[in-house]
């Protein structure tokens, strides 16, 4: 494994960690503003998973002697834009769209991170990423299954024009 590849792995781990932090905020908004109990329960349960993902990624960073507070995941501009959109999104449909988009961004990052970990011969990180990726993919599927519920809640409350 080259120093450059390891530096890239640490950089992408930091990005993944920062995405998980942002996802916690988005899921918190989902819990506060969801109007459907099933959707709210999903946001709560995935919030617990997301916090565990954050801790797992921080452990991977520590395994590379990267001080968590000294790493930053700057570079995922789309995530920051989604975060801003999510903070302004308080209708059920806006929340589920933001959450679904965010989950798919995480899926893309974890696919890339898994491949990079394999190239760095970092089996530990690759295993962590594989587990997180499976949970993120399940979360995206679950969010997709709640689109009708969110739409119904928005239509009933007149949140949509």
N, C-alpha and C. Protein backbone atom coordinates (compact mmCIF):
# COMPACT_ATOMS: atom_id res chain seq x y z
N UNK A 1 0.87 -1.19 0.00
CA UNK A 1 0.00 0.00 0.00
C UNK A 1 0.90 1.23 0.00
N UNK A 2 0.57 2.18 -0.86
CA UNK A 2 1.39 3.38 -0.96
C UNK A 2 0.91 4.43 0.03
N UNK A 3 1.80 5.35 0.34
CA UNK A 3 1.43 6.45 1.24
C UNK A 3 0.30 7.27 0.64
N UNK A 4 0.33 7.45 -0.69
CA UNK A 4 -0.73 8.22 -1.35
C UNK A 4 -2.08 7.52 -1.19
N UNK A 5 -2.11 6.21 -1.41
CA UNK A 5 -3.37 5.48 -1.26
C UNK A 5 -3.89 5.53 0.17
N UNK A 6 -2.99 5.41 1.11
CA UNK A 6 -3.39 5.48 2.51
C UNK A 6 -3.93 6.86 2.85
N UNK A 7 -3.29 7.89 2.34
CA UNK A 7 -3.78 9.26 2.57
C UNK A 7 -5.17 9.44 1.97
N UNK A 8 -5.39 8.88 0.78
CA UNK A 8 -6.71 8.95 0.16
C UNK A 8 -7.74 8.17 0.98
N UNK A 9 -7.35 7.02 1.49
CA UNK A 9 -8.25 6.22 2.32
C UNK A 9 -8.67 7.01 3.55
N UNK A 10 -7.73 7.65 4.20
CA UNK A 10 -8.04 8.46 5.38
C UNK A 10 -8.96 9.63 5.00
N UNK A 11 -8.68 10.24 3.86
CA UNK A 11 -9.52 11.37 3.41
C UNK A 11 -10.96 10.90 3.16
N UNK A 12 -11.12 9.76 2.51
CA UNK A 12 -12.46 9.26 2.25
C UNK A 12 -13.15 8.74 3.51
N UNK A 13 -12.38 8.20 4.43
CA UNK A 13 -12.96 7.82 5.72
C UNK A 13 -13.49 9.06 6.44
N UNK A 14 -12.74 10.15 6.37
CA UNK A 14 -13.20 11.39 7.00
C UNK A 14 -14.46 11.89 6.33
N UNK A 15 -14.53 11.79 5.01
CA UNK A 15 -15.75 12.20 4.31
C UNK A 15 -16.93 11.34 4.73
N UNK A 16 -16.71 10.04 4.84
CA UNK A 16 -17.79 9.14 5.26
C UNK A 16 -18.24 9.48 6.68
N UNK A 17 -17.29 9.77 7.55
CA UNK A 17 -17.63 10.15 8.93
C UNK A 17 -18.47 11.43 8.94
N UNK A 18 -18.05 12.41 8.15
CA UNK A 18 -18.78 13.67 8.09
C UNK A 18 -20.18 13.48 7.50
N UNK A 19 -20.30 12.59 6.53
CA UNK A 19 -21.63 12.28 5.99
C UNK A 19 -22.53 11.68 7.07
N UNK A 20 -21.97 10.81 7.89
CA UNK A 20 -22.77 10.19 8.96
C UNK A 20 -23.23 11.25 9.97
N UNK A 21 -22.37 12.21 10.27
CA UNK A 21 -22.76 13.30 11.18
C UNK A 21 -23.91 14.10 10.57
N UNK A 22 -23.79 14.42 9.27
CA UNK A 22 -24.85 15.17 8.60
C UNK A 22 -26.14 14.34 8.54
N UNK A 23 -26.00 13.05 8.31
CA UNK A 23 -27.17 12.18 8.22
C UNK A 23 -27.90 12.16 9.57
N UNK A 24 -27.17 12.17 10.67
CA UNK A 24 -27.83 12.22 11.99
C UNK A 24 -28.72 13.46 12.10
N UNK A 25 -28.23 14.58 11.62
CA UNK A 25 -29.02 15.82 11.68
C UNK A 25 -30.27 15.71 10.81
N UNK A 26 -30.11 15.15 9.63
CA UNK A 26 -31.25 14.97 8.73
C UNK A 26 -32.28 14.03 9.35
N UNK A 27 -31.82 12.93 9.93
CA UNK A 27 -32.73 11.98 10.55
C UNK A 27 -33.42 12.59 11.77
N UNK A 28 -32.70 13.42 12.51
CA UNK A 28 -33.33 14.13 13.64
C UNK A 28 -34.48 15.01 13.14
N UNK A 29 -34.27 15.69 12.01
CA UNK A 29 -35.35 16.50 11.43
C UNK A 29 -36.50 15.60 11.01
N UNK A 30 -36.18 14.44 10.49
CA UNK A 30 -37.22 13.50 10.10
C UNK A 30 -38.07 13.08 11.29
N UNK A 31 -37.43 12.80 12.40
CA UNK A 31 -38.17 12.43 13.61
C UNK A 31 -39.08 13.57 14.05
N UNK A 32 -38.56 14.79 14.00
CA UNK A 32 -39.35 15.95 14.44
C UNK A 32 -40.53 16.26 13.52
N UNK A 33 -40.34 16.11 12.22
CA UNK A 33 -41.33 16.62 11.29
C UNK A 33 -42.12 15.56 10.53
N UNK A 34 -41.79 14.30 10.68
CA UNK A 34 -42.57 13.26 10.01
C UNK A 34 -43.97 13.23 10.59
N UNK A 35 -44.94 13.04 9.73
CA UNK A 35 -46.33 13.03 10.18
C UNK A 35 -46.91 11.63 10.18
N UNK A 36 -46.11 10.66 9.82
CA UNK A 36 -46.53 9.27 9.76
C UNK A 36 -45.67 8.48 10.76
N UNK A 37 -46.30 7.74 11.65
CA UNK A 37 -45.56 7.02 12.69
C UNK A 37 -44.58 6.00 12.11
N UNK A 38 -44.96 5.31 11.05
CA UNK A 38 -44.06 4.33 10.45
C UNK A 38 -42.80 5.00 9.91
N UNK A 39 -42.98 6.12 9.25
CA UNK A 39 -41.83 6.86 8.71
C UNK A 39 -40.98 7.39 9.86
N UNK A 40 -41.62 7.94 10.88
CA UNK A 40 -40.89 8.46 12.05
C UNK A 40 -40.08 7.34 12.71
N UNK A 41 -40.68 6.15 12.82
CA UNK A 41 -39.96 5.01 13.41
C UNK A 41 -38.74 4.63 12.58
N UNK A 42 -38.88 4.71 11.25
CA UNK A 42 -37.72 4.43 10.40
C UNK A 42 -36.61 5.44 10.68
N UNK A 43 -36.97 6.73 10.72
CA UNK A 43 -35.95 7.75 10.98
C UNK A 43 -35.25 7.48 12.32
N UNK A 44 -36.01 7.11 13.33
CA UNK A 44 -35.41 6.81 14.65
C UNK A 44 -34.46 5.62 14.57
N UNK A 45 -34.91 4.55 13.94
CA UNK A 45 -34.07 3.35 13.91
C UNK A 45 -32.82 3.56 13.07
N UNK A 46 -32.97 4.26 11.96
CA UNK A 46 -31.77 4.49 11.14
C UNK A 46 -30.84 5.49 11.82
N UNK A 47 -31.36 6.35 12.66
CA UNK A 47 -30.52 7.28 13.42
C UNK A 47 -29.56 6.50 14.31
N UNK A 48 -30.06 5.44 14.94
CA UNK A 48 -29.23 4.59 15.80
C UNK A 48 -28.14 3.91 14.96
N UNK A 49 -28.52 3.38 13.80
CA UNK A 49 -27.54 2.76 12.90
C UNK A 49 -26.49 3.78 12.45
N UNK A 50 -26.95 4.97 12.13
CA UNK A 50 -26.06 6.01 11.61
C UNK A 50 -25.02 6.41 12.66
N UNK A 51 -25.45 6.50 13.90
CA UNK A 51 -24.50 6.83 14.96
C UNK A 51 -23.46 5.71 15.10
N UNK A 52 -23.90 4.47 14.96
CA UNK A 52 -22.96 3.34 15.01
C UNK A 52 -22.00 3.40 13.82
N UNK A 53 -22.50 3.78 12.65
CA UNK A 53 -21.63 3.92 11.48
C UNK A 53 -20.54 4.96 11.76
N UNK A 54 -20.96 6.07 12.34
CA UNK A 54 -20.00 7.14 12.65
C UNK A 54 -18.90 6.62 13.56
N UNK A 55 -19.27 5.89 14.60
CA UNK A 55 -18.27 5.35 15.54
C UNK A 55 -17.36 4.33 14.86
N UNK A 56 -17.93 3.50 13.98
CA UNK A 56 -17.12 2.51 13.26
C UNK A 56 -16.10 3.19 12.36
N UNK A 57 -16.52 4.23 11.66
CA UNK A 57 -15.60 4.95 10.78
C UNK A 57 -14.53 5.66 11.60
N UNK A 58 -14.91 6.22 12.74
CA UNK A 58 -13.91 6.86 13.60
C UNK A 58 -12.88 5.84 14.08
N UNK A 59 -13.31 4.60 14.34
CA UNK A 59 -12.36 3.56 14.73
C UNK A 59 -11.41 3.24 13.58
N UNK A 60 -11.93 3.22 12.35
CA UNK A 60 -11.06 3.01 11.19
C UNK A 60 -10.04 4.13 11.06
N UNK A 61 -10.49 5.36 11.28
CA UNK A 61 -9.56 6.49 11.25
C UNK A 61 -8.48 6.33 12.31
N UNK A 62 -8.89 5.92 13.50
CA UNK A 62 -7.92 5.73 14.58
C UNK A 62 -6.93 4.62 14.23
N UNK A 63 -7.39 3.57 13.53
CA UNK A 63 -6.48 2.50 13.11
C UNK A 63 -5.40 3.01 12.16
N UNK A 64 -5.65 4.12 11.51
CA UNK A 64 -4.66 4.72 10.62
C UNK A 64 -3.96 5.89 11.30
N UNK A 65 -4.09 5.95 12.61
CA UNK A 65 -3.46 7.01 13.41
C UNK A 65 -3.89 8.39 12.96
N UNK A 66 -5.10 8.49 12.45
CA UNK A 66 -5.64 9.79 12.04
C UNK A 66 -6.50 10.31 13.18
N UNK A 67 -6.07 11.38 13.78
CA UNK A 67 -6.86 11.97 14.86
C UNK A 67 -8.18 12.44 14.26
N UNK A 68 -9.27 11.96 14.82
CA UNK A 68 -10.59 12.24 14.28
C UNK A 68 -10.84 13.74 14.17
N UNK A 69 -10.45 14.49 15.18
CA UNK A 69 -10.71 15.93 15.15
C UNK A 69 -9.81 16.65 14.15
N UNK A 70 -8.74 16.00 13.69
CA UNK A 70 -7.84 16.64 12.73
C UNK A 70 -8.16 16.27 11.29
N UNK A 71 -9.12 15.38 11.08
CA UNK A 71 -9.50 15.03 9.72
C UNK A 71 -10.78 15.75 9.38
N UNK A 72 -10.94 16.08 8.13
CA UNK A 72 -12.22 16.63 7.71
C UNK A 72 -12.56 16.04 6.36
N UNK A 73 -13.84 15.95 6.11
CA UNK A 73 -14.31 15.34 4.89
C UNK A 73 -14.68 16.35 3.84
N UNK A 74 -14.08 17.51 3.88
CA UNK A 74 -14.42 18.54 2.90
C UNK A 74 -14.20 17.99 1.51
N UNK A 75 -15.09 18.31 0.65
CA UNK A 75 -14.97 17.85 -0.71
C UNK A 75 -16.26 17.25 -1.24
N UNK A 76 -17.20 16.97 -0.38
CA UNK A 76 -18.48 16.43 -0.83
C UNK A 76 -19.47 17.58 -0.81
N UNK A 77 -19.35 18.43 -1.80
CA UNK A 77 -20.18 19.63 -1.87
C UNK A 77 -21.66 19.26 -1.94
N UNK A 78 -21.97 18.21 -2.70
CA UNK A 78 -23.36 17.79 -2.81
C UNK A 78 -23.97 17.47 -1.47
N UNK A 79 -23.20 16.88 -0.57
CA UNK A 79 -23.71 16.55 0.75
C UNK A 79 -24.04 17.81 1.52
N UNK A 80 -23.19 18.81 1.39
CA UNK A 80 -23.45 20.06 2.10
C UNK A 80 -24.70 20.74 1.55
N UNK A 81 -24.87 20.67 0.23
CA UNK A 81 -26.07 21.25 -0.37
C UNK A 81 -27.32 20.49 0.08
N UNK A 82 -27.21 19.16 0.15
CA UNK A 82 -28.34 18.37 0.64
C UNK A 82 -28.64 18.71 2.09
N UNK A 83 -27.59 18.94 2.86
CA UNK A 83 -27.81 19.29 4.27
C UNK A 83 -28.59 20.60 4.36
N UNK A 84 -28.17 21.57 3.57
CA UNK A 84 -28.87 22.85 3.59
C UNK A 84 -30.32 22.68 3.14
N UNK A 85 -30.53 21.87 2.12
CA UNK A 85 -31.90 21.62 1.65
C UNK A 85 -32.70 20.91 2.73
N UNK A 86 -32.07 19.96 3.40
CA UNK A 86 -32.77 19.21 4.44
C UNK A 86 -33.16 20.11 5.61
N UNK A 87 -32.31 21.05 5.94
CA UNK A 87 -32.62 21.94 7.05
C UNK A 87 -33.81 22.83 6.72
N UNK A 88 -34.05 23.07 5.43
CA UNK A 88 -35.20 23.88 5.02
C UNK A 88 -36.40 23.00 4.66
N UNK A 89 -36.22 21.68 4.71
CA UNK A 89 -37.25 20.74 4.27
C UNK A 89 -38.01 20.19 5.47
N UNK A 90 -39.20 20.69 5.64
CA UNK A 90 -39.95 20.22 6.80
C UNK A 90 -41.28 19.59 6.42
N UNK A 91 -41.56 19.44 5.13
CA UNK A 91 -42.75 18.70 4.75
C UNK A 91 -42.34 17.23 4.64
N UNK A 92 -43.27 16.32 4.83
CA UNK A 92 -42.92 14.89 4.73
C UNK A 92 -42.27 14.53 3.39
N UNK A 93 -42.77 15.09 2.30
CA UNK A 93 -42.18 14.75 1.00
C UNK A 93 -40.78 15.33 0.85
N UNK A 94 -40.56 16.56 1.29
CA UNK A 94 -39.22 17.15 1.19
C UNK A 94 -38.22 16.37 2.04
N UNK A 95 -38.66 15.95 3.23
CA UNK A 95 -37.77 15.17 4.10
C UNK A 95 -37.39 13.84 3.48
N UNK A 96 -38.37 13.11 2.95
CA UNK A 96 -38.06 11.80 2.40
C UNK A 96 -37.21 11.93 1.13
N UNK A 97 -37.44 12.94 0.34
CA UNK A 97 -36.60 13.15 -0.85
C UNK A 97 -35.17 13.46 -0.42
N UNK A 98 -35.00 14.35 0.54
CA UNK A 98 -33.65 14.68 1.02
C UNK A 98 -32.97 13.46 1.62
N UNK A 99 -33.70 12.71 2.44
CA UNK A 99 -33.13 11.53 3.09
C UNK A 99 -32.75 10.47 2.06
N UNK A 100 -33.63 10.25 1.07
CA UNK A 100 -33.36 9.25 0.03
C UNK A 100 -32.12 9.64 -0.78
N UNK A 101 -32.03 10.90 -1.15
CA UNK A 101 -30.87 11.38 -1.89
C UNK A 101 -29.60 11.23 -1.06
N UNK A 102 -29.70 11.56 0.21
CA UNK A 102 -28.54 11.48 1.10
C UNK A 102 -28.07 10.05 1.25
N UNK A 103 -29.00 9.12 1.44
CA UNK A 103 -28.62 7.71 1.57
C UNK A 103 -27.90 7.23 0.31
N UNK A 104 -28.38 7.65 -0.85
CA UNK A 104 -27.74 7.23 -2.08
C UNK A 104 -26.36 7.85 -2.26
N UNK A 105 -26.16 9.06 -1.77
CA UNK A 105 -24.83 9.65 -1.76
C UNK A 105 -23.91 8.83 -0.87
N UNK A 106 -24.39 8.44 0.30
CA UNK A 106 -23.58 7.60 1.19
C UNK A 106 -23.24 6.27 0.53
N UNK A 107 -24.21 5.68 -0.15
CA UNK A 107 -23.97 4.40 -0.84
C UNK A 107 -22.84 4.55 -1.84
N UNK A 108 -22.86 5.61 -2.61
CA UNK A 108 -21.79 5.84 -3.60
C UNK A 108 -20.43 5.99 -2.91
N UNK A 109 -20.40 6.76 -1.84
CA UNK A 109 -19.13 6.97 -1.12
C UNK A 109 -18.63 5.65 -0.53
N UNK A 110 -19.53 4.83 0.03
CA UNK A 110 -19.10 3.56 0.61
C UNK A 110 -18.66 2.56 -0.45
N UNK A 111 -19.26 2.59 -1.64
CA UNK A 111 -18.76 1.73 -2.72
C UNK A 111 -17.32 2.11 -3.04
N UNK A 112 -17.06 3.40 -3.20
CA UNK A 112 -15.72 3.87 -3.51
C UNK A 112 -14.75 3.54 -2.36
N UNK A 113 -15.19 3.79 -1.16
CA UNK A 113 -14.34 3.55 0.02
C UNK A 113 -13.98 2.07 0.15
N UNK A 114 -14.93 1.19 -0.13
CA UNK A 114 -14.65 -0.25 -0.07
C UNK A 114 -13.59 -0.66 -1.07
N UNK A 115 -13.70 -0.13 -2.28
CA UNK A 115 -12.70 -0.45 -3.31
C UNK A 115 -11.32 0.09 -2.92
N UNK A 116 -11.30 1.28 -2.37
CA UNK A 116 -10.03 1.87 -1.95
C UNK A 116 -9.41 1.09 -0.80
N UNK A 117 -10.23 0.66 0.15
CA UNK A 117 -9.72 -0.13 1.27
C UNK A 117 -9.11 -1.44 0.76
N UNK A 118 -9.76 -2.06 -0.21
CA UNK A 118 -9.22 -3.29 -0.79
C UNK A 118 -7.88 -3.03 -1.47
N UNK A 119 -7.76 -1.93 -2.21
CA UNK A 119 -6.50 -1.60 -2.87
C UNK A 119 -5.39 -1.32 -1.86
N UNK A 120 -5.77 -0.87 -0.68
CA UNK A 120 -4.79 -0.59 0.37
C UNK A 120 -4.53 -1.83 1.23
N UNK A 121 -5.13 -2.94 0.86
CA UNK A 121 -5.02 -4.18 1.65
C UNK A 121 -5.44 -3.98 3.10
N UNK A 122 -6.46 -3.16 3.28
CA UNK A 122 -7.00 -2.88 4.62
C UNK A 122 -8.29 -3.67 4.78
N UNK A 123 -8.13 -4.94 5.14
CA UNK A 123 -9.28 -5.84 5.26
C UNK A 123 -10.24 -5.39 6.35
N UNK A 124 -9.72 -4.83 7.41
CA UNK A 124 -10.56 -4.38 8.52
C UNK A 124 -11.52 -3.28 8.07
N UNK A 125 -10.98 -2.27 7.41
CA UNK A 125 -11.80 -1.18 6.91
C UNK A 125 -12.76 -1.69 5.85
N UNK A 126 -12.30 -2.55 4.97
CA UNK A 126 -13.16 -3.10 3.92
C UNK A 126 -14.36 -3.83 4.53
N UNK A 127 -14.13 -4.57 5.59
CA UNK A 127 -15.22 -5.29 6.26
C UNK A 127 -16.21 -4.32 6.90
N UNK A 128 -15.70 -3.30 7.59
CA UNK A 128 -16.57 -2.29 8.19
C UNK A 128 -17.42 -1.62 7.12
N UNK A 129 -16.79 -1.24 6.03
CA UNK A 129 -17.48 -0.56 4.94
C UNK A 129 -18.54 -1.46 4.32
N UNK A 130 -18.23 -2.73 4.15
CA UNK A 130 -19.19 -3.68 3.58
C UNK A 130 -20.44 -3.78 4.46
N UNK A 131 -20.24 -3.85 5.77
CA UNK A 131 -21.38 -3.91 6.69
C UNK A 131 -22.22 -2.64 6.64
N UNK A 132 -21.55 -1.49 6.65
CA UNK A 132 -22.27 -0.21 6.60
C UNK A 132 -23.01 -0.08 5.28
N UNK A 133 -22.36 -0.45 4.19
CA UNK A 133 -22.97 -0.35 2.87
C UNK A 133 -24.28 -1.15 2.81
N UNK A 134 -24.29 -2.33 3.37
CA UNK A 134 -25.52 -3.15 3.37
C UNK A 134 -26.63 -2.43 4.13
N UNK A 135 -26.30 -1.80 5.25
CA UNK A 135 -27.32 -1.08 6.03
C UNK A 135 -27.80 0.16 5.28
N UNK A 136 -26.89 0.86 4.61
CA UNK A 136 -27.28 2.05 3.86
C UNK A 136 -28.19 1.67 2.68
N UNK A 137 -27.88 0.56 2.03
CA UNK A 137 -28.73 0.11 0.92
C UNK A 137 -30.12 -0.27 1.42
N UNK A 138 -30.20 -0.94 2.58
CA UNK A 138 -31.51 -1.27 3.16
C UNK A 138 -32.27 0.01 3.52
N UNK A 139 -31.55 1.00 4.04
CA UNK A 139 -32.19 2.27 4.42
C UNK A 139 -32.75 2.97 3.19
N UNK A 140 -31.99 2.98 2.09
CA UNK A 140 -32.48 3.61 0.86
C UNK A 140 -33.73 2.89 0.36
N UNK A 141 -33.73 1.56 0.42
CA UNK A 141 -34.92 0.81 0.00
C UNK A 141 -36.11 1.13 0.89
N UNK A 142 -35.88 1.23 2.17
CA UNK A 142 -36.96 1.54 3.10
C UNK A 142 -37.51 2.94 2.83
N UNK A 143 -36.63 3.89 2.61
CA UNK A 143 -37.09 5.24 2.29
C UNK A 143 -37.91 5.26 1.01
N UNK A 144 -37.47 4.53 0.01
CA UNK A 144 -38.23 4.46 -1.23
C UNK A 144 -39.63 3.90 -0.98
N UNK A 145 -39.72 2.97 -0.05
CA UNK A 145 -41.03 2.37 0.25
C UNK A 145 -41.94 3.32 1.03
N UNK A 146 -41.40 4.41 1.56
CA UNK A 146 -42.21 5.36 2.33
C UNK A 146 -42.66 6.57 1.50
N UNK A 147 -42.28 6.61 0.23
CA UNK A 147 -42.62 7.77 -0.60
C UNK A 147 -44.13 8.01 -0.66
N UNK A 148 -44.92 6.96 -0.84
CA UNK A 148 -46.37 7.15 -0.90
C UNK A 148 -46.93 7.65 0.42
N UNK A 149 -46.41 7.13 1.54
CA UNK A 149 -46.88 7.57 2.85
C UNK A 149 -46.56 9.05 3.06
N UNK A 150 -45.35 9.46 2.66
CA UNK A 150 -44.97 10.86 2.79
C UNK A 150 -45.82 11.75 1.88
N UNK A 151 -46.07 11.29 0.68
CA UNK A 151 -46.91 12.04 -0.24
C UNK A 151 -48.32 12.19 0.31
N UNK A 152 -48.87 11.10 0.82
CA UNK A 152 -50.22 11.17 1.41
C UNK A 152 -50.27 12.15 2.57
N UNK A 153 -49.27 12.11 3.44
CA UNK A 153 -49.24 13.02 4.58
C UNK A 153 -49.14 14.47 4.12
N UNK A 154 -48.36 14.73 3.09
CA UNK A 154 -48.23 16.10 2.59
C UNK A 154 -49.52 16.58 1.93
N UNK A 155 -50.17 15.69 1.19
CA UNK A 155 -51.41 16.06 0.52
C UNK A 155 -52.54 16.33 1.50
N UNK A 156 -52.62 15.50 2.52
CA UNK A 156 -53.67 15.65 3.53
C UNK A 156 -53.52 16.98 4.28
N UNK A 157 -52.27 17.32 4.59
CA UNK A 157 -52.02 18.54 5.36
C UNK A 157 -51.88 19.77 4.47
N UNK A 158 -51.99 19.60 3.17
CA UNK A 158 -51.89 20.75 2.28
C UNK A 158 -50.48 21.30 2.16
N UNK A 159 -49.46 20.44 2.40
CA UNK A 159 -48.07 20.90 2.31
C UNK A 159 -47.63 21.08 0.86
N UNK A 160 -48.32 20.43 -0.07
CA UNK A 160 -47.96 20.55 -1.48
C UNK A 160 -48.90 21.56 -2.15
N UNK A 161 -48.38 22.27 -3.14
CA UNK A 161 -49.23 23.25 -3.84
C UNK A 161 -50.33 22.57 -4.63
